[in-house]
């Protein structure tokens, strides 16, 4: 039985509520502290949860609640130069579940609350005091909280990561800005199909809803960096002009951009990828989710990896008395997997902004690529089949890991 009884969770997005719920199942009381004034349900647009991520949520009893708000996506297509090709899928795996990020945040928050997890808001972490039997968090409003350990689930700009290691790297900018919108638009596309499109100037993706609406997301190349705050400070009308100019040559991208209004537009800002983080933990502090491994959105695994890590961290703290040893076991279980996926996604990112010659080559080679390098067994088989055995002792799983 673990000696860990209590935990402070910094961050209430995806990783925070899942970590708290997983710790609760492991017999550890967790309290989530969020810097925003309420549940973070107004950030970001759509995302896809892979089968491995849903399987991890099922261990906590949260999978079905997420499926209720999600759109199953059983088929994917790749479009280059106006030509579309159906991408092969894994026949033995359930479909991706496409979900609005805000709705996912609310659902995971509500599940954690129902499990007995308390949340506190307007709690921006400034520093911590560590002592032999625990850690005290200090917040900007002057309040404090103490527990056996502290989990940093505070995203790519993680304060906890810097507290663990002041020299820790920050996120790398991918050279693209993210935008999304749900619009009314007639589209000849099955409801269970997502299209990844390489437009004349920029990449975009889209899918249709059962009610006939369409969600589309744009990855806009930009040499200038805009944080979320900076991007949202720019009038939406400016971004709409840029999007319409960029996607004007594309079908249906040009129509999507023309139909998107300022009220529709979700501005995500700079898209990032986390480089390898040297130190995942220190003493009684540990990182989870985007704070320690944030692959680019090209991976299709960002949220799913965060959920997996939350569950694995809870298992390690359940089975290993000493928090530092539990954190070390957690890192052994997770580092290789998340860094491999991150590295593959980084390669995909480079293909999102091809020049004219590269685009012609892609178009010519696309049929061959679909049959070879895009073979689902090579690109996603192991990733999506990954399953966590909650009941298995962690010591058994650690055998054979480096």
Protein backbone atom coordinates (compact mmCIF):
# COMPACT_ATOMS: atom_id res chain seq x y z
CA UNK A 1 0.00 0.00 0.00
CA UNK A 2 1.34 3.41 -0.94
CA UNK A 3 2.35 5.84 1.78
CA UNK A 4 1.17 8.69 -0.45
CA UNK A 5 -2.16 9.93 0.83
CA UNK A 6 -2.64 13.38 -0.72
CA UNK A 7 -1.67 15.23 -3.90
CA UNK A 8 -1.93 18.74 -5.29
CA UNK A 9 -2.71 18.86 -9.02
CA UNK A 10 -1.73 22.09 -10.77
CA UNK A 11 -3.85 22.54 -13.90
CA UNK A 12 -7.45 21.72 -14.75
CA UNK A 13 -7.36 21.05 -18.49
CA UNK A 14 -7.20 17.43 -19.64
CA UNK A 15 -4.31 15.88 -17.72
CA UNK A 16 -5.25 17.47 -14.38
CA UNK A 17 -8.77 16.07 -13.91
CA UNK A 18 -7.74 12.66 -15.29
CA UNK A 19 -4.74 12.49 -12.95
CA UNK A 20 -6.94 13.42 -9.99
CA UNK A 21 -9.55 10.80 -10.90
CA UNK A 22 -6.86 8.14 -11.40
CA UNK A 23 -5.24 8.99 -8.07
CA UNK A 24 -8.65 8.81 -6.42
CA UNK A 25 -9.08 5.30 -7.78
CA UNK A 26 -5.63 4.46 -6.42
CA UNK A 27 -6.71 5.57 -2.94
CA UNK A 28 -4.98 8.96 -3.00
CA UNK A 29 -6.89 12.18 -2.32
CA UNK A 30 -6.15 14.80 -4.98
CA UNK A 31 -7.17 18.46 -5.20
CA UNK A 32 -7.04 20.31 -8.52
CA UNK A 33 -5.87 23.95 -8.58
CA UNK A 34 -6.64 25.91 -11.76
CA UNK A 35 -5.31 29.36 -12.65
CA UNK A 36 -8.43 30.29 -14.61
CA UNK A 37 -11.55 31.57 -12.89
CA UNK A 38 -13.55 28.46 -13.75
CA UNK A 39 -13.36 25.20 -15.68
CA UNK A 40 -11.14 25.69 -18.74
CA UNK A 41 -13.85 24.92 -21.26
CA UNK A 42 -13.34 27.78 -23.72
CA UNK A 43 -9.86 26.97 -25.00
CA UNK A 44 -9.03 25.29 -28.29
CA UNK A 45 -11.18 23.64 -30.92
CA UNK A 46 -11.62 20.04 -32.01
CA UNK A 47 -9.30 17.14 -31.27
CA UNK A 48 -9.30 13.39 -31.87
CA UNK A 49 -9.00 10.82 -29.13
CA UNK A 50 -7.33 7.60 -30.26
CA UNK A 51 -8.50 4.14 -29.11
CA UNK A 52 -5.65 3.92 -26.61
CA UNK A 53 -6.73 7.17 -24.96
CA UNK A 54 -10.37 6.08 -24.73
CA UNK A 55 -9.27 2.73 -23.30
CA UNK A 56 -7.37 4.56 -20.55
CA UNK A 57 -10.46 6.65 -19.76
CA UNK A 58 -12.52 3.46 -19.59
CA UNK A 59 -10.32 2.32 -16.69
CA UNK A 60 -11.63 5.32 -14.76
CA UNK A 61 -15.24 4.96 -15.87
CA UNK A 62 -15.05 8.13 -17.99
CA UNK A 63 -14.90 6.64 -21.49
CA UNK A 64 -18.63 6.41 -22.15
CA UNK A 65 -19.26 10.00 -21.07
CA UNK A 66 -16.68 11.13 -23.62
CA UNK A 67 -18.18 8.96 -26.36
CA UNK A 68 -21.54 10.67 -25.80
CA UNK A 69 -20.07 14.06 -26.81
CA UNK A 70 -17.82 12.67 -29.56
CA UNK A 71 -18.22 11.96 -33.27
CA UNK A 72 -16.84 8.53 -34.31
CA UNK A 73 -14.45 8.88 -37.22
CA UNK A 74 -14.03 5.47 -38.87
CA UNK A 75 -12.46 6.70 -42.12
CA UNK A 76 -9.76 9.18 -43.10
CA UNK A 77 -8.79 10.60 -46.47
CA UNK A 78 -5.73 12.45 -47.69
CA UNK A 79 -6.21 15.21 -50.25
CA UNK A 80 -3.37 16.69 -52.31
CA UNK A 81 -3.80 18.81 -55.40
CA UNK A 82 -7.52 18.13 -55.59
CA UNK A 83 -7.07 14.36 -55.51
CA UNK A 84 -8.34 12.34 -52.56
CA UNK A 85 -7.18 8.94 -51.40
CA UNK A 86 -8.78 6.80 -48.72
CA UNK A 87 -6.24 5.98 -46.04
CA UNK A 88 -6.18 2.39 -44.78
CA UNK A 89 -7.39 1.89 -41.22
CA UNK A 90 -6.73 -0.67 -38.49
CA UNK A 91 -9.57 -3.15 -38.84
CA UNK A 92 -9.21 -4.44 -35.29
CA UNK A 93 -9.41 -1.01 -33.61
CA UNK A 94 -12.41 1.21 -32.83
CA UNK A 95 -12.63 4.55 -34.65
CA UNK A 96 -11.15 7.82 -33.56
CA UNK A 97 -13.48 9.92 -31.42
CA UNK A 98 -13.53 13.55 -32.52
CA UNK A 99 -14.56 15.93 -29.78
CA UNK A 100 -14.69 19.64 -29.05
CA UNK A 101 -11.87 20.45 -26.62
CA UNK A 102 -14.10 22.60 -24.43
CA UNK A 103 -16.71 19.86 -24.15
CA UNK A 104 -13.96 17.36 -23.31
CA UNK A 105 -12.66 19.64 -20.54
CA UNK A 106 -16.16 19.92 -19.06
CA UNK A 107 -16.79 16.19 -19.26
CA UNK A 108 -13.51 15.26 -17.57
CA UNK A 109 -14.03 17.95 -14.94
CA UNK A 110 -17.54 16.71 -14.17
CA UNK A 111 -16.37 13.11 -13.97
CA UNK A 112 -13.63 14.01 -11.49
CA UNK A 113 -16.05 16.06 -9.37
CA UNK A 114 -18.51 13.16 -9.33
CA UNK A 115 -15.69 10.93 -8.10
CA UNK A 116 -15.12 13.29 -5.18
CA UNK A 117 -12.26 15.46 -6.49
CA UNK A 118 -12.38 19.12 -5.32
CA UNK A 119 -11.39 21.98 -7.66
CA UNK A 120 -10.19 25.46 -6.72
CA UNK A 121 -10.00 28.34 -9.21
CA UNK A 122 -8.03 31.58 -9.55
CA UNK A 123 -5.07 29.65 -8.15
CA UNK A 124 -1.96 30.59 -10.10
CA UNK A 125 1.09 28.80 -8.69
CA UNK A 126 4.10 31.00 -7.90
CA UNK A 127 6.48 28.78 -5.93
CA UNK A 128 6.67 25.80 -3.60
CA UNK A 129 8.26 24.92 -0.27
CA UNK A 130 9.46 21.35 0.03
CA UNK A 131 9.87 19.60 3.36
CA UNK A 132 10.73 16.02 4.35
CA UNK A 133 7.15 14.79 4.41
CA UNK A 134 5.46 16.91 1.76
CA UNK A 135 5.25 20.06 -0.32
CA UNK A 136 3.47 23.39 0.12
CA UNK A 137 2.22 25.29 -2.92
CA UNK A 138 2.02 29.09 -2.83
CA UNK A 139 -0.48 30.85 -5.07
CA UNK A 140 -0.58 34.39 -6.41
CA UNK A 141 -3.62 35.24 -4.26
CA UNK A 142 -1.58 34.61 -1.11
CA UNK A 143 -3.11 31.25 -0.23
CA UNK A 144 -1.23 27.98 0.24
CA UNK A 145 -1.96 24.26 0.09
CA UNK A 146 0.04 21.32 1.41
CA UNK A 147 0.08 17.65 0.45
CA UNK A 148 2.39 14.66 0.15
CA UNK A 149 3.30 15.57 -3.44
CA UNK A 150 2.55 17.97 -6.28
CA UNK A 151 1.73 17.12 -9.90
CA UNK A 152 2.36 19.65 -12.65
CA UNK A 153 -0.43 19.27 -15.21
CA UNK A 154 -0.08 22.92 -16.19
CA UNK A 155 0.56 22.65 -19.91
CA UNK A 156 3.34 23.64 -22.26
CA UNK A 157 4.15 26.82 -20.30
CA UNK A 158 4.41 24.79 -17.11
CA UNK A 159 5.48 26.62 -13.97
CA UNK A 160 6.09 23.28 -12.25
CA UNK A 161 8.53 22.24 -15.00
CA UNK A 162 10.61 25.32 -14.27
CA UNK A 163 10.45 24.67 -10.53
CA UNK A 164 11.76 21.15 -11.10
CA UNK A 165 14.51 22.36 -13.41
CA UNK A 166 15.11 26.09 -14.05
CA UNK A 167 17.07 25.11 -17.17
CA UNK A 168 14.28 22.95 -18.61
CA UNK A 169 13.50 23.60 -22.27
CA UNK A 170 10.29 25.30 -23.26
CA UNK A 171 8.05 24.43 -26.19
CA UNK A 172 9.30 24.80 -29.77
CA UNK A 173 7.21 26.74 -32.25
CA UNK A 174 6.19 24.64 -35.26
CA UNK A 175 5.98 27.65 -37.58
CA UNK A 176 2.20 27.38 -37.78
CA UNK A 177 -0.78 29.08 -36.14
CA UNK A 178 -3.94 27.16 -35.35
CA UNK A 179 -7.51 28.19 -36.17
CA UNK A 180 -10.78 26.30 -36.14
CA UNK A 181 -14.45 26.86 -36.80
CA UNK A 182 -17.72 25.02 -37.00
CA UNK A 183 -19.77 26.36 -39.92
CA UNK A 184 -22.91 25.69 -41.92
CA UNK A 185 -21.82 24.29 -45.26
CA UNK A 186 -23.15 21.61 -47.58
CA UNK A 187 -20.53 18.95 -48.12
CA UNK A 188 -20.63 15.62 -49.93
CA UNK A 189 -18.82 13.64 -47.24
CA UNK A 190 -19.88 10.78 -44.95
CA UNK A 191 -20.42 11.75 -41.31
CA UNK A 192 -17.72 9.33 -40.13
CA UNK A 193 -14.89 10.60 -42.35
CA UNK A 194 -12.09 13.09 -41.67
CA UNK A 195 -10.09 14.66 -44.51
CA UNK A 196 -6.47 15.84 -44.20
CA UNK A 197 -5.91 18.33 -47.02
CA UNK A 198 -2.70 19.83 -48.35
CA UNK A 199 -3.90 23.05 -49.94
CA UNK A 200 -2.03 25.20 -52.44
CA UNK A 201 -0.49 27.27 -49.65
CA UNK A 202 -1.35 25.62 -46.34
CA UNK A 203 -2.64 22.48 -44.66
CA UNK A 204 -6.15 22.08 -43.28
CA UNK A 205 -8.49 19.31 -42.13
CA UNK A 206 -12.24 18.94 -41.90
CA UNK A 207 -15.14 16.66 -41.05
CA UNK A 208 -18.92 16.79 -41.28
CA UNK A 209 -21.41 16.49 -38.43
CA UNK A 210 -24.63 14.52 -38.51
CA UNK A 211 -26.63 17.78 -38.50
CA UNK A 212 -24.91 18.87 -41.70
CA UNK A 213 -22.47 21.33 -40.12
CA UNK A 214 -18.76 21.17 -40.84
CA UNK A 215 -15.79 21.63 -38.54
CA UNK A 216 -12.53 22.65 -40.14
CA UNK A 217 -9.13 23.43 -38.74
CA UNK A 218 -6.36 25.47 -40.36
CA UNK A 219 -2.60 25.23 -39.79
CA UNK A 220 -1.49 28.61 -41.10
CA UNK A 221 2.25 29.04 -41.79
CA UNK A 222 3.57 32.12 -40.01
CA UNK A 223 7.12 33.32 -39.49
CA UNK A 224 5.86 35.60 -36.74
CA UNK A 225 5.10 33.93 -33.44
CA UNK A 226 1.77 34.64 -31.74
CA UNK A 227 0.95 33.26 -28.34
CA UNK A 228 -2.70 32.48 -27.63
CA UNK A 229 -3.10 35.86 -25.93
CA UNK A 230 -1.31 37.72 -28.73
CA UNK A 231 -3.27 35.95 -31.47
CA UNK A 232 -6.59 36.70 -29.78
CA UNK A 233 -5.59 40.34 -29.34
CA UNK A 234 -5.56 40.67 -33.14
CA UNK A 235 -9.05 41.40 -34.51
CA UNK A 236 -10.73 38.27 -35.84
CA UNK A 237 -11.48 40.13 -39.07
CA UNK A 238 -7.74 40.31 -39.76
CA UNK A 239 -7.32 36.58 -39.37
CA UNK A 240 -10.36 35.96 -41.57
CA UNK A 241 -8.78 38.02 -44.35
CA UNK A 242 -5.54 36.04 -44.05
CA UNK A 243 -7.36 32.71 -44.04
CA UNK A 244 -9.47 33.64 -47.04
CA UNK A 245 -6.42 34.75 -49.02
CA UNK A 246 -4.46 31.65 -48.06
CA UNK A 247 -7.14 29.08 -48.82
CA UNK A 248 -8.79 30.83 -51.79
CA UNK A 249 -7.25 28.41 -54.36
CA UNK A 250 -8.49 25.33 -52.49
CA UNK A 251 -11.67 23.27 -52.76
CA UNK A 252 -13.38 23.07 -50.31
CA UNK A 253 -10.97 25.07 -48.15
CA UNK A 254 -11.75 28.34 -49.89
CA UNK A 255 -15.46 27.87 -49.26
CA UNK A 256 -14.82 27.04 -45.59
CA UNK A 257 -12.82 30.25 -45.16
CA UNK A 258 -15.45 32.37 -46.93
CA UNK A 259 -18.24 30.98 -44.75
CA UNK A 260 -16.38 31.40 -41.46
CA UNK A 261 -17.41 34.48 -39.51
CA UNK A 262 -15.71 36.28 -36.66
CA UNK A 263 -18.23 34.69 -34.28
CA UNK A 264 -17.36 31.22 -35.61
CA UNK A 265 -13.58 31.55 -35.50
CA UNK A 266 -11.66 29.78 -32.75
CA UNK A 267 -8.14 31.22 -32.49
CA UNK A 268 -5.64 28.76 -31.03
CA UNK A 269 -2.43 30.71 -31.62
CA UNK A 270 0.99 29.21 -32.09
CA UNK A 271 1.20 25.44 -32.43
CA UNK A 272 3.96 23.88 -30.37
CA UNK A 273 5.89 20.72 -29.84
CA UNK A 274 7.82 19.90 -26.65
CA UNK A 275 11.43 18.81 -27.05
CA UNK A 276 12.61 16.02 -24.73
CA UNK A 277 12.46 17.19 -21.12
CA UNK A 278 15.56 16.06 -19.19
CA UNK A 279 13.94 15.95 -15.75
CA UNK A 280 10.37 14.69 -15.34
CA UNK A 281 10.44 14.94 -11.54
CA UNK A 282 12.38 16.11 -8.51
CA UNK A 283 11.80 14.99 -4.96
CA UNK A 284 8.01 15.38 -4.49
CA UNK A 285 7.28 17.24 -7.74
CA UNK A 286 6.38 15.49 -11.00
CA UNK A 287 5.08 16.41 -14.47
CA UNK A 288 2.26 14.93 -16.53
CA UNK A 289 0.64 15.69 -19.89
CA UNK A 290 1.71 18.62 -22.07
CA UNK A 291 3.95 19.93 -19.29
CA UNK A 292 6.38 17.11 -20.08
CA UNK A 293 5.39 15.66 -23.46
CA UNK A 294 3.42 17.67 -26.00
CA UNK A 295 3.64 16.19 -29.48
CA UNK A 296 2.39 18.34 -32.33
CA UNK A 297 -1.24 18.02 -33.37
CA UNK A 298 0.04 15.95 -36.32
CA UNK A 299 0.43 12.98 -33.99
CA UNK A 300 -3.27 12.63 -33.23
CA UNK A 301 -2.07 11.41 -29.83
CA UNK A 302 -1.52 14.50 -27.67
CA UNK A 303 -4.60 14.18 -25.47
CA UNK A 304 -4.45 10.37 -25.46
CA UNK A 305 -0.83 10.36 -24.28
CA UNK A 306 -1.69 12.81 -21.50
CA UNK A 307 -4.50 10.53 -20.35
CA UNK A 308 -2.27 7.46 -20.45
CA UNK A 309 0.44 9.18 -18.43
CA UNK A 310 -2.07 10.28 -15.80
CA UNK A 311 -3.21 6.69 -15.34
CA UNK A 312 0.31 5.28 -15.28
CA UNK A 313 1.43 7.86 -12.72
CA UNK A 314 -1.43 6.84 -10.44
CA UNK A 315 -0.53 3.15 -10.78
CA UNK A 316 3.08 3.85 -9.85
CA UNK A 317 2.11 5.89 -6.79
CA UNK A 318 -0.34 3.14 -5.81
CA UNK A 319 2.29 0.40 -5.91
CA UNK A 320 5.50 2.15 -4.80
CA UNK A 321 5.81 3.65 -1.32
CA UNK A 322 8.48 6.25 -1.98
CA UNK A 323 7.23 9.07 -4.27
CA UNK A 324 10.62 9.62 -5.89
CA UNK A 325 10.93 5.92 -6.74
CA UNK A 326 7.35 5.95 -8.02
CA UNK A 327 8.16 8.92 -10.26
CA UNK A 328 11.23 7.14 -11.59
CA UNK A 329 9.13 4.08 -12.44
CA UNK A 330 6.55 6.30 -14.13
CA UNK A 331 9.22 7.89 -16.31
CA UNK A 332 10.58 4.47 -17.28
CA UNK A 333 7.11 3.40 -18.38
CA UNK A 334 6.42 6.52 -20.40
CA UNK A 335 9.48 8.32 -21.79
CA UNK A 336 10.34 6.06 -24.73
CA UNK A 337 6.74 5.81 -25.92
CA UNK A 338 5.96 9.52 -25.83
CA UNK A 339 9.28 10.61 -27.34
CA UNK A 340 8.96 8.14 -30.22
CA UNK A 341 5.49 9.46 -31.07
CA UNK A 342 6.65 13.07 -30.73
CA UNK A 343 9.57 12.49 -33.09
CA UNK A 344 7.34 10.92 -35.76
CA UNK A 345 4.86 13.79 -35.51
CA UNK A 346 7.67 16.31 -35.95
CA UNK A 347 8.50 14.71 -39.32
CA UNK A 348 4.87 15.00 -40.39
CA UNK A 349 4.91 18.69 -39.49
CA UNK A 350 7.61 19.36 -42.07
CA UNK A 351 5.31 18.02 -44.78
CA UNK A 352 2.56 20.50 -43.92
CA UNK A 353 4.33 23.40 -45.59
CA UNK A 354 5.79 21.93 -48.81
CA UNK A 355 6.92 24.19 -51.63
CA UNK A 356 5.48 23.97 -55.15
CA UNK A 357 7.96 21.32 -56.30
CA UNK A 358 7.53 19.21 -53.19
CA UNK A 359 3.76 19.46 -53.57
CA UNK A 360 3.95 18.13 -57.15
CA UNK A 361 6.11 15.24 -55.99
CA UNK A 362 3.67 14.46 -53.17
CA UNK A 363 0.78 14.46 -55.61
CA UNK A 364 2.58 12.11 -57.99
CA UNK A 365 3.68 9.71 -55.27
CA UNK A 366 0.50 9.79 -53.18
CA UNK A 367 -0.95 6.46 -54.40
CA UNK A 368 2.32 4.71 -53.64
CA UNK A 369 2.65 6.46 -50.26
CA UNK A 370 -0.83 5.33 -49.22
CA UNK A 371 0.16 1.70 -49.85
CA UNK A 372 3.63 1.87 -48.26
CA UNK A 373 4.83 4.57 -45.85
CA UNK A 374 1.24 5.35 -44.78
CA UNK A 375 0.53 1.72 -44.01
CA UNK A 376 -1.42 1.89 -40.73
CA UNK A 377 0.54 -0.95 -39.17
CA UNK A 378 3.73 1.06 -39.56
CA UNK A 379 2.36 4.46 -38.67
CA UNK A 380 -0.12 3.83 -35.87
CA UNK A 381 -0.61 0.12 -35.14
CA UNK A 382 1.42 -0.12 -31.94
CA UNK A 383 0.36 3.35 -30.79
CA UNK A 384 -3.38 2.70 -30.97
CA UNK A 385 -3.24 -0.87 -29.64
CA UNK A 386 -1.45 0.21 -26.48
CA UNK A 387 -3.46 -0.72 -23.40
CA UNK A 388 -2.84 -0.22 -19.69
CA UNK A 389 -3.55 -3.08 -17.30
CA UNK A 390 -4.72 -1.24 -14.20
CA UNK A 391 -4.76 -4.35 -12.01
CA UNK A 392 -1.27 -5.59 -12.93
CA UNK A 393 1.54 -4.75 -10.49
CA UNK A 394 3.77 -2.01 -11.85
CA UNK A 395 6.85 -4.08 -10.98
CA UNK A 396 5.79 -6.68 -13.52
CA UNK A 397 5.45 -4.06 -16.27
CA UNK A 398 8.83 -2.54 -15.45
CA UNK A 399 10.63 -5.77 -16.29
CA UNK A 400 12.31 -5.33 -19.63
CA UNK A 401 12.06 -1.52 -19.73
CA UNK A 402 15.35 0.39 -20.02
